[in-house]
C-alpha cells in the first residue's frame, strides 16, 4: 500500500516482471512524486503497473495528488493518469517552478478572462446545441463512440481529458505509433489513413473541436491559449521548454492562427506559445478570437 512505512523515503518500485518499467517513488507533504528509476535500489511489488491494483493503493493512501516525471514515458503517464482519475486524485506532470507570466502580474485581468471563458462557453454550448446534435448523429452512423477523449497537459502541468468529436476509426490510438513512425515533429499527418470520411470534413472546418467548450466550462482550458499538448508530443519536448507546460491551454491561439499544421516543429510551436504568454493581454486574446473565424471558414492548415 502507498500508505506503508515507506512514506518518508525514496525508493524504486517495479512489477515482479523484469520487463516492466521501474519507478522511483517519493512522498512529500501528501504528494507522491513518480520518477523513472535508473540505478536506484528497488523493492519488487506485484502489479504496480496494473491499473486496478494501483487505483486501490491510491485510494487507500493519504496522498492528495500525484506528480509524474516526463521521463517515465507516454505509456506510464497514461497508466498513472487513468489510475489517479479512478481514485479521485489529480495527476500532474512535473514542471519547472512557475515563471512569472504576465497573467500573474495582472490578476484582475486574468480573473476577468477566466470568468469570460466560462460565460462564453456556456452561451456557445446552448446556441450550438442543435448543430452539436446533428454532428453527433452523423458520427454515430460510423458505429462507434461519438466523443474522443485523450489525456492532455493543462495549467501547472495538471492532466485532463480533452473532449472532441471522434474523427477516426475505433481503435485508432492503438495504431498511432505505427502510423506516426516517421513523423519527426508534431504527430499530425495529412491524409492520415485512420480518419473517417465524416471525420475529414469535421476536421476541415474544426467542427471536431467544438466539444472542447466543455473543457473550457470546467476550467481545464481557455478559449484562447497555447496548444494543449498530447502525451506523445509532451515527452518529446526539450527540457529547456518545459516551462511552457505551466500555461493554461486554449481552443485557439497563436499557433492555430499563425501556422497550424503548416508548422509542426515542436520547438518552434513551443516558442510561439511562449511569446504569446510573455506578451499576454485581453486585447490580444480578442484579436486571436477574431482571426480564428476566417481561418476556420477557409480550412487553413486543417487536416
Protein backbone atom coordinates (compact mmCIF):
# COMPACT_ATOMS: atom_id res chain seq x y z
CA UNK A 1 0.00 0.00 0.00
CA UNK A 2 1.20 3.55 -0.65
CA UNK A 3 0.48 4.39 2.97
CA UNK A 4 3.06 1.88 4.17
CA UNK A 5 6.10 2.73 6.40
CA UNK A 6 7.95 3.71 3.23
CA UNK A 7 6.18 7.08 3.08
CA UNK A 8 9.20 9.13 4.14
CA UNK A 9 11.78 7.51 1.88
CA UNK A 10 12.93 7.46 -1.72
CA UNK A 11 12.51 4.02 -3.22
CA UNK A 12 12.17 2.50 -6.65
CA UNK A 13 9.33 0.05 -7.18
CA UNK A 14 8.76 -2.35 -10.02
CA UNK A 15 6.48 -5.15 -11.02
CA UNK A 16 7.81 -8.62 -10.33
CA UNK A 17 8.14 -8.95 -14.11
CA UNK A 18 11.61 -7.67 -15.03
CA UNK A 19 10.48 -6.18 -18.34
CA UNK A 20 8.01 -3.87 -16.60
CA UNK A 21 9.05 -0.22 -16.04
CA UNK A 22 10.59 0.76 -12.71
CA UNK A 23 9.56 3.84 -10.76
CA UNK A 24 11.24 5.84 -8.04
CA UNK A 25 8.50 6.94 -5.63
CA UNK A 26 8.92 9.80 -3.18
CA UNK A 27 6.34 11.18 -0.73
CA UNK A 28 6.44 14.89 0.14
CA UNK A 29 3.74 16.69 2.11
CA UNK A 30 0.92 14.43 0.88
CA UNK A 31 2.30 14.47 -2.67
CA UNK A 32 3.50 11.36 -4.45
CA UNK A 33 6.31 12.06 -6.91
CA UNK A 34 6.83 9.38 -9.56
CA UNK A 35 10.13 9.29 -11.41
CA UNK A 36 11.84 6.83 -13.70
CA UNK A 37 14.12 4.54 -11.70
CA UNK A 38 17.59 4.04 -13.12
CA UNK A 39 20.24 2.81 -10.73
CA UNK A 40 18.05 3.18 -7.63
CA UNK A 41 17.78 0.07 -5.46
CA UNK A 42 14.25 -1.22 -5.90
CA UNK A 43 11.67 -3.18 -3.98
CA UNK A 44 9.61 -5.59 -6.04
CA UNK A 45 5.86 -5.08 -5.72
CA UNK A 46 3.48 -7.17 -7.84
CA UNK A 47 1.02 -5.45 -10.15
CA UNK A 48 2.37 -1.90 -9.70
CA UNK A 49 1.75 -1.46 -13.42
CA UNK A 50 -1.77 -2.91 -13.22
CA UNK A 51 -4.27 -0.06 -13.06
CA UNK A 52 -6.86 -1.74 -10.72
CA UNK A 53 -4.18 -2.52 -8.12
CA UNK A 54 -2.72 0.96 -8.44
CA UNK A 55 -6.18 2.53 -8.02
CA UNK A 56 -6.69 0.66 -4.75
CA UNK A 57 -3.31 1.83 -3.46
CA UNK A 58 -4.03 5.44 -4.36
CA UNK A 59 -7.49 5.36 -2.77
CA UNK A 60 -6.15 3.97 0.50
CA UNK A 61 -3.15 6.29 0.70
CA UNK A 62 -3.11 9.72 2.41
CA UNK A 63 -1.62 11.46 -0.65
CA UNK A 64 -3.62 14.32 -2.15
CA UNK A 65 -2.03 14.48 -5.61
CA UNK A 66 0.48 12.71 -7.84
CA UNK A 67 3.31 14.38 -9.78
CA UNK A 68 4.71 12.43 -12.72
CA UNK A 69 8.14 12.87 -14.26
CA UNK A 70 8.01 13.00 -18.07
CA UNK A 71 10.94 10.57 -18.15
CA UNK A 72 8.64 7.67 -17.22
CA UNK A 73 7.30 7.79 -20.78
CA UNK A 74 3.98 8.13 -22.56
CA UNK A 75 2.52 4.72 -21.69
CA UNK A 76 3.30 5.07 -17.98
CA UNK A 77 1.90 8.62 -17.92
CA UNK A 78 -1.37 7.31 -19.35
CA UNK A 79 -1.47 4.44 -16.85
CA UNK A 80 -0.90 6.66 -13.83
CA UNK A 81 -3.30 9.34 -15.08
CA UNK A 82 -6.06 6.75 -15.54
CA UNK A 83 -5.43 5.32 -12.07
CA UNK A 84 -5.46 8.78 -10.47
CA UNK A 85 -8.72 9.64 -12.23
CA UNK A 86 -10.40 6.49 -10.91
CA UNK A 87 -9.01 7.10 -7.43
CA UNK A 88 -10.26 10.70 -7.45
CA UNK A 89 -6.80 12.24 -7.08
CA UNK A 90 -5.34 14.78 -9.54
CA UNK A 91 -2.29 13.91 -11.61
CA UNK A 92 0.28 16.47 -12.74
CA UNK A 93 3.37 16.23 -14.90
CA UNK A 94 6.40 17.70 -13.17
CA UNK A 95 7.25 21.15 -14.49
CA UNK A 96 9.84 23.79 -13.57
CA UNK A 97 8.88 26.34 -10.93
CA UNK A 98 6.24 28.57 -12.44
CA UNK A 99 7.77 31.58 -14.12
CA UNK A 100 6.06 34.95 -13.83
CA UNK A 101 3.97 35.06 -17.00
CA UNK A 102 2.12 38.35 -17.46
CA UNK A 103 -1.09 36.74 -16.21
CA UNK A 104 0.44 36.58 -12.71
CA UNK A 105 1.22 40.30 -12.86
CA UNK A 106 -2.33 41.14 -13.95
CA UNK A 107 -4.57 39.10 -11.61
CA UNK A 108 -7.69 41.22 -12.17
CA UNK A 109 -7.49 40.97 -15.96
CA UNK A 110 -6.66 37.27 -15.74
CA UNK A 111 -9.63 36.71 -13.47
CA UNK A 112 -11.84 38.54 -15.97
CA UNK A 113 -10.54 36.27 -18.73
CA UNK A 114 -11.37 33.13 -16.72
CA UNK A 115 -14.90 34.33 -15.89
CA UNK A 116 -15.47 35.37 -19.52
CA UNK A 117 -14.26 31.96 -20.72
CA UNK A 118 -16.92 30.14 -18.74
CA UNK A 119 -19.74 32.52 -19.61
CA UNK A 120 -18.97 32.50 -23.34
CA UNK A 121 -18.50 28.71 -23.36
CA UNK A 122 -21.89 28.20 -21.69
CA UNK A 123 -23.62 30.53 -24.15
CA UNK A 124 -21.96 28.89 -27.17
CA UNK A 125 -22.87 25.40 -25.98
CA UNK A 126 -26.50 26.50 -25.66
CA UNK A 127 -26.62 28.24 -29.05
CA UNK A 128 -24.74 25.47 -30.87
CA UNK A 129 -26.62 22.57 -29.25
CA UNK A 130 -28.75 21.83 -32.39
CA UNK A 131 -25.59 21.71 -34.54
CA UNK A 132 -23.80 19.55 -31.97
CA UNK A 133 -26.73 17.11 -32.02
CA UNK A 134 -26.66 16.85 -35.83
CA UNK A 135 -22.89 16.28 -35.82
CA UNK A 136 -23.24 13.63 -33.13
CA UNK A 137 -25.81 11.76 -35.24
CA UNK A 138 -23.52 11.89 -38.29
CA UNK A 139 -20.61 10.46 -36.30
CA UNK A 140 -22.85 7.79 -34.77
CA UNK A 141 -23.52 6.41 -38.26
CA UNK A 142 -19.93 5.11 -38.24
CA UNK A 143 -20.94 2.69 -35.49
CA UNK A 144 -18.53 3.98 -32.91
CA UNK A 145 -18.37 6.34 -29.99
CA UNK A 146 -19.39 9.95 -30.59
CA UNK A 147 -16.69 11.54 -28.50
CA UNK A 148 -12.94 11.11 -28.40
CA UNK A 149 -11.15 11.63 -25.09
CA UNK A 150 -7.41 11.91 -24.71
CA UNK A 151 -5.05 12.88 -21.92
CA UNK A 152 -3.57 16.36 -22.30
CA UNK A 153 -1.40 18.59 -20.11
CA UNK A 154 -3.10 21.65 -18.67
CA UNK A 155 -2.33 24.53 -16.32
CA UNK A 156 0.59 23.90 -13.93
CA UNK A 157 1.03 20.54 -15.60
CA UNK A 158 -2.34 19.17 -14.45
CA UNK A 159 -3.51 16.33 -16.67
CA UNK A 160 -7.04 16.33 -18.04
CA UNK A 161 -9.01 14.56 -20.75
CA UNK A 162 -9.72 16.74 -23.74
CA UNK A 163 -13.09 16.14 -25.42
CA UNK A 164 -13.51 16.16 -29.19
CA UNK A 165 -15.87 14.65 -31.70
CA UNK A 166 -14.41 11.36 -32.91
CA UNK A 167 -12.89 11.75 -36.38
CA UNK A 168 -11.01 8.45 -36.61
CA UNK A 169 -11.88 4.79 -36.77
CA UNK A 170 -12.39 2.94 -33.49
CA UNK A 171 -9.09 1.76 -32.02
CA UNK A 172 -7.09 4.50 -33.77
CA UNK A 173 -4.98 5.05 -30.64
CA UNK A 174 -3.58 1.53 -30.90
CA UNK A 175 -2.33 2.33 -34.42
CA UNK A 176 -0.92 5.74 -33.54
CA UNK A 177 2.79 4.99 -33.30
CA UNK A 178 2.70 2.72 -36.32
CA UNK A 179 1.16 5.49 -38.45
CA UNK A 180 3.38 8.24 -36.99
CA UNK A 181 6.57 6.17 -37.03
CA UNK A 182 8.44 8.55 -39.35
CA UNK A 183 6.87 11.80 -38.11
CA UNK A 184 9.63 13.94 -36.57
CA UNK A 185 7.56 16.94 -35.47
CA UNK A 186 4.05 17.16 -34.04
CA UNK A 187 2.15 13.93 -34.53
CA UNK A 188 -0.17 15.30 -37.20
CA UNK A 189 -0.30 13.64 -40.59
CA UNK A 190 -2.00 14.82 -43.75
CA UNK A 191 -4.11 12.03 -45.30
CA UNK A 192 -3.97 10.03 -42.06
CA UNK A 193 -5.48 6.63 -43.01
CA UNK A 194 -7.31 6.39 -39.68
CA UNK A 195 -9.52 9.44 -40.37
CA UNK A 196 -13.08 8.66 -41.46
CA UNK A 197 -14.86 10.44 -44.33
CA UNK A 198 -17.09 12.32 -41.87
CA UNK A 199 -14.06 13.00 -39.70
CA UNK A 200 -12.14 14.55 -42.58
CA UNK A 201 -14.99 17.01 -43.16
CA UNK A 202 -15.25 17.80 -39.44
CA UNK A 203 -11.53 18.47 -39.27
CA UNK A 204 -11.52 20.71 -42.31
CA UNK A 205 -13.77 23.22 -40.55
CA UNK A 206 -12.56 22.43 -37.00
CA UNK A 207 -16.03 21.22 -36.02
CA UNK A 208 -14.47 18.32 -34.12
CA UNK A 209 -13.06 20.89 -31.67
CA UNK A 210 -16.45 22.22 -30.52
CA UNK A 211 -16.85 19.80 -27.56
CA UNK A 212 -13.76 21.43 -26.06
CA UNK A 213 -16.19 24.12 -24.91
CA UNK A 214 -16.99 21.62 -22.14
CA UNK A 215 -13.32 21.67 -21.12
CA UNK A 216 -13.47 25.48 -21.06
CA UNK A 217 -16.62 25.38 -18.91
CA UNK A 218 -14.82 23.05 -16.48
CA UNK A 219 -11.87 25.44 -16.24
CA UNK A 220 -9.45 22.96 -17.84
CA UNK A 221 -8.94 25.14 -20.91
CA UNK A 222 -9.43 28.70 -22.11
CA UNK A 223 -10.96 29.96 -25.34
CA UNK A 224 -7.53 31.40 -26.22
CA UNK A 225 -4.20 29.98 -25.12
CA UNK A 226 -1.29 27.73 -26.08
CA UNK A 227 -1.79 24.38 -27.76
CA UNK A 228 -2.99 21.63 -25.34
CA UNK A 229 -0.19 19.07 -25.62
CA UNK A 230 -0.90 15.37 -26.11
CA UNK A 231 1.33 12.99 -24.15
CA UNK A 232 3.04 11.57 -27.24
CA UNK A 233 4.21 15.11 -28.05
CA UNK A 234 4.89 16.21 -24.47
CA UNK A 235 7.51 13.52 -23.86
CA UNK A 236 9.49 14.84 -26.85
CA UNK A 237 9.62 18.48 -25.72
CA UNK A 238 13.11 19.77 -24.94
CA UNK A 239 13.62 20.21 -21.15
CA UNK A 240 14.51 23.89 -21.63
CA UNK A 241 10.94 24.44 -22.90
CA UNK A 242 9.13 22.54 -20.11
CA UNK A 243 8.23 25.90 -18.54
CA UNK A 244 5.58 26.21 -21.24
CA UNK A 245 3.68 23.30 -19.64
CA UNK A 246 2.66 25.57 -16.75
CA UNK A 247 0.33 27.53 -19.01
CA UNK A 248 -3.44 27.19 -19.37
CA UNK A 249 -4.11 25.75 -22.87
CA UNK A 250 -6.70 27.16 -25.24
CA UNK A 251 -9.01 26.14 -28.07
CA UNK A 252 -7.30 28.64 -30.34
CA UNK A 253 -4.19 30.74 -30.07
CA UNK A 254 -1.01 31.98 -31.71
CA UNK A 255 -0.01 28.67 -33.31
CA UNK A 256 -3.52 27.90 -34.58
CA UNK A 257 -3.87 31.34 -36.18
CA UNK A 258 -0.33 31.89 -37.47
CA UNK A 259 0.75 28.44 -38.61
CA UNK A 260 -1.36 25.48 -37.51
CA UNK A 261 -0.45 22.32 -39.47
CA UNK A 262 1.91 24.27 -41.73
CA UNK A 263 4.37 24.39 -38.80
CA UNK A 264 4.93 21.10 -36.96
CA UNK A 265 8.36 21.68 -35.41
CA UNK A 266 7.82 21.10 -31.68
CA UNK A 267 10.41 23.65 -30.53
CA UNK A 268 9.05 26.39 -32.81
CA UNK A 269 5.47 25.71 -31.70
CA UNK A 270 6.56 25.96 -28.05
CA UNK A 271 8.48 29.18 -28.64
CA UNK A 272 5.46 30.67 -30.43
CA UNK A 273 3.34 29.85 -27.39
CA UNK A 274 5.92 31.31 -25.00
CA UNK A 275 5.96 34.56 -26.98
CA UNK A 276 2.18 34.73 -26.61
CA UNK A 277 2.40 34.11 -22.86
CA UNK A 278 5.13 36.70 -22.36
CA UNK A 279 3.07 39.39 -24.10
CA UNK A 280 -0.39 38.27 -23.00
CA UNK A 281 -3.26 40.75 -22.83
CA UNK A 282 -7.04 40.64 -23.11
CA UNK A 283 -6.77 42.67 -26.30
CA UNK A 284 -4.51 40.05 -27.91
CA UNK A 285 -6.89 37.28 -26.88
CA UNK A 286 -9.78 39.12 -28.51
CA UNK A 287 -7.66 39.62 -31.63
CA UNK A 288 -6.89 35.88 -31.84
CA UNK A 289 -10.59 35.04 -31.46
CA UNK A 290 -11.46 37.31 -34.39
CA UNK A 291 -8.61 35.96 -36.54
CA UNK A 292 -9.74 32.39 -35.85
CA UNK A 293 -13.08 32.87 -37.63
CA UNK A 294 -11.74 33.34 -41.21
CA UNK A 295 -9.11 30.64 -40.60
CA UNK A 296 -11.82 28.13 -39.65
CA UNK A 297 -14.07 29.08 -42.58
CA UNK A 298 -11.19 28.72 -45.05
CA UNK A 299 -10.00 25.44 -43.53
CA UNK A 300 -6.50 26.91 -43.11
CA UNK A 301 -3.94 24.26 -42.14
CA UNK A 302 -6.64 21.79 -41.13
CA UNK A 303 -6.22 18.03 -41.50
